[in-house]
C-alpha atoms as a PDB file:
ATOM      1  CA  MET A   1      10.954  -9.091   1.687  1.00  0.00           C
ATOM      2  CA  LEU A   2      11.150  -5.670   3.350  1.00  0.00           C
ATOM      3  CA  ARG A   3      12.877  -7.065   6.418  1.00  0.00           C
ATOM      4  CA  GLN A   4      15.514  -8.857   4.306  1.00  0.00           C
ATOM      5  CA  SER A   5      16.122  -5.915   1.956  1.00  0.00           C
ATOM      6  CA  ALA A   6      16.427  -3.454   4.849  1.00  0.00           C
ATOM      7  CA  MET A   7      18.902  -5.710   6.628  1.00  0.00           C
ATOM      8  CA  GLN A   8      21.015  -6.020   3.458  1.00  0.00           C
ATOM      9  CA  ARG A   9      21.146  -2.221   3.220  1.00  0.00           C
ATOM     10  CA  GLY A  10      21.865  -1.709   6.917  1.00  0.00           C
ATOM     11  CA  ILE A  11      18.525   0.000   7.582  1.00  0.00           C
ATOM     12  CA  THR A  12      16.817  -0.822  10.868  1.00  0.00           C
ATOM     13  CA  VAL A  13      13.080  -1.412  10.586  1.00  0.00           C
ATOM     14  CA  ALA A  14      10.502  -3.197  12.708  1.00  0.00           C
ATOM     15  CA  VAL A  15       8.062  -4.994  10.419  1.00  0.00           C
ATOM     16  CA  ARG A  16       4.722  -6.643  11.088  1.00  0.00           C
ATOM     17  CA  SER A  17       2.386  -8.116   8.530  1.00  0.00           C
ATOM     18  CA  ALA A  18      -1.398  -8.164   8.798  1.00  0.00           C
ATOM     19  CA  GLY A  19      -4.293  -8.420   6.402  1.00  0.00           C
ATOM     20  CA  VAL A  20      -7.497  -6.448   6.087  1.00  0.00           C
ATOM     21  CA  SER A  21      -9.373  -9.455   4.673  1.00  0.00           C
ATOM     22  CA  THR A  22      -8.081 -12.465   6.567  1.00  0.00           C
ATOM     23  CA  ILE A  23      -8.367 -14.349   9.814  1.00  0.00           C
ATOM     24  CA  ASP A  24      -5.575 -15.359  12.155  1.00  0.00           C
ATOM     25  CA  GLY A  25      -3.715 -18.614  11.651  1.00  0.00           C
ATOM     26  CA  LEU A  26      -4.010 -19.425   7.942  1.00  0.00           C
ATOM     27  CA  PRO A  27      -0.857 -20.807   6.281  1.00  0.00           C
ATOM     28  CA  ILE A  28       0.613 -19.095   3.237  1.00  0.00           C
ATOM     29  CA  SER A  29       0.004 -20.726  -0.127  1.00  0.00           C
ATOM     30  CA  ALA A  30       2.468 -23.186  -1.639  1.00  0.00           C
ATOM     31  CA  ASN A  31       3.257 -20.726  -4.452  1.00  0.00           C
ATOM     32  CA  ALA A  32       3.919 -17.910  -1.977  1.00  0.00           C
ATOM     33  CA  GLN A  33       6.217 -20.221  -0.009  1.00  0.00           C
ATOM     34  CA  ALA A  34       8.054 -21.261  -3.202  1.00  0.00           C
ATOM     35  CA  THR A  35       8.449 -17.624  -4.267  1.00  0.00           C
ATOM     36  CA  LEU A  36       9.936 -16.684  -0.900  1.00  0.00           C
ATOM     37  CA  ARG A  37      12.204 -19.709  -0.974  1.00  0.00           C
ATOM     38  CA  ASN A  38      13.436 -18.645  -4.451  1.00  0.00           C
ATOM     39  CA  ARG A  39      14.367 -15.295  -2.872  1.00  0.00           C
ATOM     40  CA  GLU A  40      16.116 -17.126  -0.005  1.00  0.00           C
ATOM     41  CA  ILE A  41      13.609 -15.800   2.524  1.00  0.00           C
ATOM     42  CA  GLN A  42      12.568 -18.034   5.411  1.00  0.00           C
ATOM     43  CA  HIS A  43       8.896 -17.753   6.375  1.00  0.00           C
ATOM     44  CA  THR A  44       7.309 -19.662   9.220  1.00  0.00           C
ATOM     45  CA  GLY A  45       4.373 -17.443  10.166  1.00  0.00           C
ATOM     46  CA  THR A  46       0.670 -17.606   9.487  1.00  0.00           C
ATOM     47  CA  SER A  47      -1.870 -14.923   8.635  1.00  0.00           C
ATOM     48  CA  ARG A  48      -2.844 -12.206  11.076  1.00  0.00           C
ATOM     49  CA  ALA A  49      -5.843  -9.922  10.824  1.00  0.00           C
ATOM     50  CA  MET A  50      -5.294  -6.178  11.200  1.00  0.00           C
ATOM     51  CA  THR A  51      -6.082  -4.982  14.722  1.00  0.00           C
ATOM     52  CA  ALA A  52      -6.375  -1.606  16.428  1.00  0.00           C
ATOM     53  CA  GLU A  53      -3.253  -2.514  18.422  1.00  0.00           C
ATOM     54  CA  ALA A  54      -1.274  -3.050  15.221  1.00  0.00           C
ATOM     55  CA  VAL A  55      -2.527   0.252  13.786  1.00  0.00           C
ATOM     56  CA  ASN A  56      -1.486   2.073  16.965  1.00  0.00           C
ATOM     57  CA  TRP A  57       1.926   0.329  16.988  1.00  0.00           C
ATOM     58  CA  ALA A  58       2.821   1.317  13.433  1.00  0.00           C
ATOM     59  CA  ASP A  59       4.554   4.525  12.412  1.00  0.00           C
ATOM     60  CA  LEU A  60       3.823   3.657   8.786  1.00  0.00           C
ATOM     61  CA  ILE A  61       1.181   1.331   7.306  1.00  0.00           C
ATOM     62  CA  LEU A  62       1.661   0.079   3.756  1.00  0.00           C
ATOM     63  CA  THR A  63      -1.014  -1.733   1.790  1.00  0.00           C
ATOM     64  CA  MET A  64      -0.796  -3.563  -1.506  1.00  0.00           C
ATOM     65  CA  THR A  65      -3.853  -1.882  -3.068  1.00  0.00           C
ATOM     66  CA  SER A  66      -5.887   1.289  -2.767  1.00  0.00           C
ATOM     67  CA  GLY A  67      -8.849  -0.956  -1.880  1.00  0.00           C
ATOM     68  CA  HIS A  68      -6.937  -2.331   1.111  1.00  0.00           C
ATOM     69  CA  LYS A  69      -6.025   1.239   2.074  1.00  0.00           C
ATOM     70  CA  ARG A  70      -9.695   2.332   1.880  1.00  0.00           C
ATOM     71  CA  ASP A  71     -10.824  -0.676   3.934  1.00  0.00           C
ATOM     72  CA  LEU A  72      -8.217  -0.048   6.598  1.00  0.00           C
ATOM     73  CA  LEU A  73      -9.082   3.659   6.813  1.00  0.00           C
ATOM     74  CA  HIS A  74     -12.788   2.846   6.998  1.00  0.00           C
ATOM     75  CA  TRP A  75     -12.156   0.923  10.235  1.00  0.00           C
ATOM     76  CA  HIS A  76      -9.216   3.027  11.457  1.00  0.00           C
ATOM     77  CA  PRO A  77      -9.652   6.624  10.197  1.00  0.00           C
ATOM     78  CA  GLU A  78      -7.118   7.803  12.765  1.00  0.00           C
ATOM     79  CA  ALA A  79      -4.417   6.157  10.614  1.00  0.00           C
ATOM     80  CA  VAL A  80      -5.006   8.420   7.605  1.00  0.00           C
ATOM     81  CA  ASP A  81      -1.695  10.283   7.925  1.00  0.00           C
ATOM     82  CA  LYS A  82       0.404   7.126   8.087  1.00  0.00           C
ATOM     83  CA  THR A  83      -1.344   4.824   5.603  1.00  0.00           C
ATOM     84  CA  PHE A  84      -0.267   4.502   1.971  1.00  0.00           C
ATOM     85  CA  THR A  85      -0.064   1.849  -0.681  1.00  0.00           C
ATOM     86  CA  LEU A  86       3.490   0.512  -0.919  1.00  0.00           C
ATOM     87  CA  LYS A  87       3.924   1.868  -4.445  1.00  0.00           C
ATOM     88  CA  GLU A  88       2.413   5.229  -3.492  1.00  0.00           C
ATOM     89  CA  TYR A  89       4.858   5.666  -0.599  1.00  0.00           C
ATOM     90  CA  ALA A  90       7.823   4.445  -2.639  1.00  0.00           C
ATOM     91  CA  ASN A  91       7.036   6.862  -5.469  1.00  0.00           C
ATOM     92  CA  GLN A  92       9.289   9.913  -5.359  1.00  0.00           C
ATOM     93  CA  ASP A  93       8.220  11.645  -8.569  1.00  0.00           C
ATOM     94  CA  GLU A  94       7.418  15.199  -7.415  1.00  0.00           C
ATOM     95  CA  ARG A  95       4.923  15.777 -10.237  1.00  0.00           C
ATOM     96  CA  VAL A  96       2.961  12.662  -9.310  1.00  0.00           C
ATOM     97  CA  LEU A  97       3.054  13.563  -5.607  1.00  0.00           C
ATOM     98  CA  LYS A  98       1.751  17.069  -6.411  1.00  0.00           C
ATOM     99  CA  ASP A  99      -1.057  15.577  -8.526  1.00  0.00           C
ATOM    100  CA  ILE A 100      -1.994  13.184  -5.699  1.00  0.00           C
ATOM    101  CA  SER A 101      -2.151  16.042  -3.209  1.00  0.00           C
ATOM    102  CA  GLU A 102      -4.374  18.073  -5.536  1.00  0.00           C
ATOM    103  CA  LEU A 103      -6.621  15.066  -6.215  1.00  0.00           C
ATOM    104  CA  GLU A 104      -7.026  14.341  -2.494  1.00  0.00           C
ATOM    105  CA  GLY A 105      -7.995  17.990  -1.999  1.00  0.00           C
ATOM    106  CA  LEU A 106     -10.627  17.709  -4.733  1.00  0.00           C
ATOM    107  CA  TYR A 107     -11.994  14.493  -3.182  1.00  0.00           C
ATOM    108  CA  THR A 108     -12.265  16.265   0.180  1.00  0.00           C
ATOM    109  CA  GLU A 109     -13.977  19.244  -1.447  1.00  0.00           C
ATOM    110  CA  MET A 110     -16.394  16.910  -3.238  1.00  0.00           C
ATOM    111  CA  GLN A 111     -17.281  15.074  -0.011  1.00  0.00           C
ATOM    112  CA  MET A 112     -17.887  18.353   1.819  1.00  0.00           C
ATOM    113  CA  LYS A 113     -20.059  19.723  -0.977  1.00  0.00           C
ATOM    114  CA  LEU A 114     -22.047  16.471  -1.223  1.00  0.00           C
ATOM    115  CA  ALA A 115     -22.635  16.472   2.541  1.00  0.00           C
ATOM    116  CA  LEU A 116     -24.061  19.987   2.213  1.00  0.00           C
ATOM    117  CA  GLY A 117     -26.230  19.108  -0.777  1.00  0.00           C
ATOM    118  CA  GLY A 118     -23.913  20.645  -3.365  1.00  0.00           C
ATOM    119  CA  GLN A 119     -21.631  19.303  -6.051  1.00  0.00           C
ATOM    120  CA  LEU A 120     -18.340  20.050  -7.743  1.00  0.00           C
ATOM    121  CA  THR A 121     -18.319  22.683 -10.466  1.00  0.00           C
ATOM    122  CA  SER A 122     -17.849  21.412 -14.006  1.00  0.00           C
ATOM    123  CA  GLU A 123     -14.258  22.744 -13.917  1.00  0.00           C
ATOM    124  CA  GLU A 124     -13.530  20.897 -10.646  1.00  0.00           C
ATOM    125  CA  ARG A 125     -15.081  17.705 -12.037  1.00  0.00           C
ATOM    126  CA  GLN A 126     -13.026  18.007 -15.224  1.00  0.00           C
ATOM    127  CA  ARG A 127      -9.823  18.565 -13.224  1.00  0.00           C
ATOM    128  CA  LEU A 128     -10.620  15.574 -10.984  1.00  0.00           C
ATOM    129  CA  LEU A 129     -11.047  13.315 -14.036  1.00  0.00           C
ATOM    130  CA  GLU A 130      -7.846  14.651 -15.604  1.00  0.00           C
ATOM    131  CA  LEU A 131      -5.853  13.937 -12.448  1.00  0.00           C
ATOM    132  CA  GLU A 132      -7.361  10.452 -12.084  1.00  0.00           C
ATOM    133  CA  ARG A 133      -6.269   9.625 -15.660  1.00  0.00           C
ATOM    134  CA  ARG A 134      -2.787  11.051 -15.175  1.00  0.00           C
ATOM    135  CA  ILE A 135      -1.874   9.432 -11.841  1.00  0.00           C
ATOM    136  CA  PRO A 136      -0.461   5.918 -12.261  1.00  0.00           C
ATOM    137  CA  SER A 137      -1.989   2.945 -10.480  1.00  0.00           C
ATOM    138  CA  PHE A 138      -0.354   2.217  -7.146  1.00  0.00           C
ATOM    139  CA  ASP A 139      -1.922  -1.235  -6.799  1.00  0.00           C
ATOM    140  CA  ILE A 140      -0.022  -4.500  -6.701  1.00  0.00           C
ATOM    141  CA  ALA A 141      -2.253  -7.277  -8.014  1.00  0.00           C
ATOM    142  CA  ASP A 142      -3.143 -10.035  -5.569  1.00  0.00           C
ATOM    143  CA  PRO A 143      -1.639 -13.288  -6.866  1.00  0.00           C
ATOM    144  CA  PHE A 144      -3.881 -15.456  -4.668  1.00  0.00           C
ATOM    145  CA  GLY A 145      -4.841 -18.613  -6.537  1.00  0.00           C
ATOM    146  CA  GLY A 146      -2.465 -17.827  -9.392  1.00  0.00           C
ATOM    147  CA  THR A 147       0.381 -19.824 -10.867  1.00  0.00           C
ATOM    148  CA  LEU A 148       3.933 -19.727  -9.577  1.00  0.00           C
ATOM    149  CA  SER A 149       4.848 -17.321 -12.390  1.00  0.00           C
ATOM    150  CA  VAL A 150       2.069 -14.953 -11.247  1.00  0.00           C
ATOM    151  CA  TYR A 151       3.487 -15.051  -7.708  1.00  0.00           C
ATOM    152  CA  GLU A 152       7.002 -14.443  -9.057  1.00  0.00           C
ATOM    153  CA  SER A 153       5.799 -11.462 -11.079  1.00  0.00           C
ATOM    154  CA  CYS A 154       4.056 -10.020  -8.028  1.00  0.00           C
ATOM    155  CA  SER A 155       7.197 -10.621  -5.968  1.00  0.00           C
ATOM    156  CA  ASN A 156       9.291  -8.714  -8.511  1.00  0.00           C
ATOM    157  CA  GLU A 157       6.855  -5.806  -8.413  1.00  0.00           C
ATOM    158  CA  ILE A 158       6.957  -5.740  -4.612  1.00  0.00           C
ATOM    159  CA  GLY A 159      10.759  -5.970  -4.699  1.00  0.00           C
ATOM    160  CA  GLU A 160      11.010  -2.886  -6.915  1.00  0.00           C
ATOM    161  CA  ALA A 161       8.641  -0.949  -4.658  1.00  0.00           C
ATOM    162  CA  VAL A 162      10.606  -2.021  -1.565  1.00  0.00           C
ATOM    163  CA  LYS A 163      13.760  -0.558  -3.153  1.00  0.00           C
ATOM    164  CA  GLY A 164      11.984   2.784  -3.554  1.00  0.00           C
ATOM    165  CA  LEU A 165      10.616   2.563  -0.015  1.00  0.00           C
ATOM    166  CA  LEU A 166      14.073   1.966   1.429  1.00  0.00           C
ATOM    167  CA  ASP A 167      15.518   4.790  -0.676  1.00  0.00           C
ATOM    168  CA  ARG A 168      12.911   7.094   0.843  1.00  0.00           C
ATOM    169  CA  LEU A 169      13.474   5.800   4.388  1.00  0.00           C
ATOM    170  CA  SER A 170      17.240   6.222   4.093  1.00  0.00           C
ATOM    171  CA  LYS A 171      16.722   9.918   3.236  1.00  0.00           C
ATOM    172  CA  ARG A 172      14.742  10.549   6.441  1.00  0.00           C
END
């Protein structure tokens, strides 16, 4: 979807797809194929597992969920500055981006304090919880095993995020 949308907008991108929880060579599901066909997208590939080579190749790594992002960064911590969920990267709301930055700082502070046998102050804990409630979810639900309408809904959500992504890339 990204490749097709970028081409339609005259934006040059090199795109690879890989999964954090798959093995090489699996075909896509019939509902995924039908959803792509409904969007007039040809797909002939099979699954590919994420590799260190792919991480090194990429300038930007986009995941569908924060869980995928965490898994990828667990195995490839060197990719922290270029890994985002698709919806996180596409989001351009300055208030949300500021909240995310503050929350990441609090998470880092918490990890450092825990490693040294300490803990967050009650004010820091309260602020962390407030930010977690305020920041929208950046996950796109996995439609695997769902109906065609579930796949279509997921496709629409991805399509909207891809528009935001390309808006951001065209500003660079």
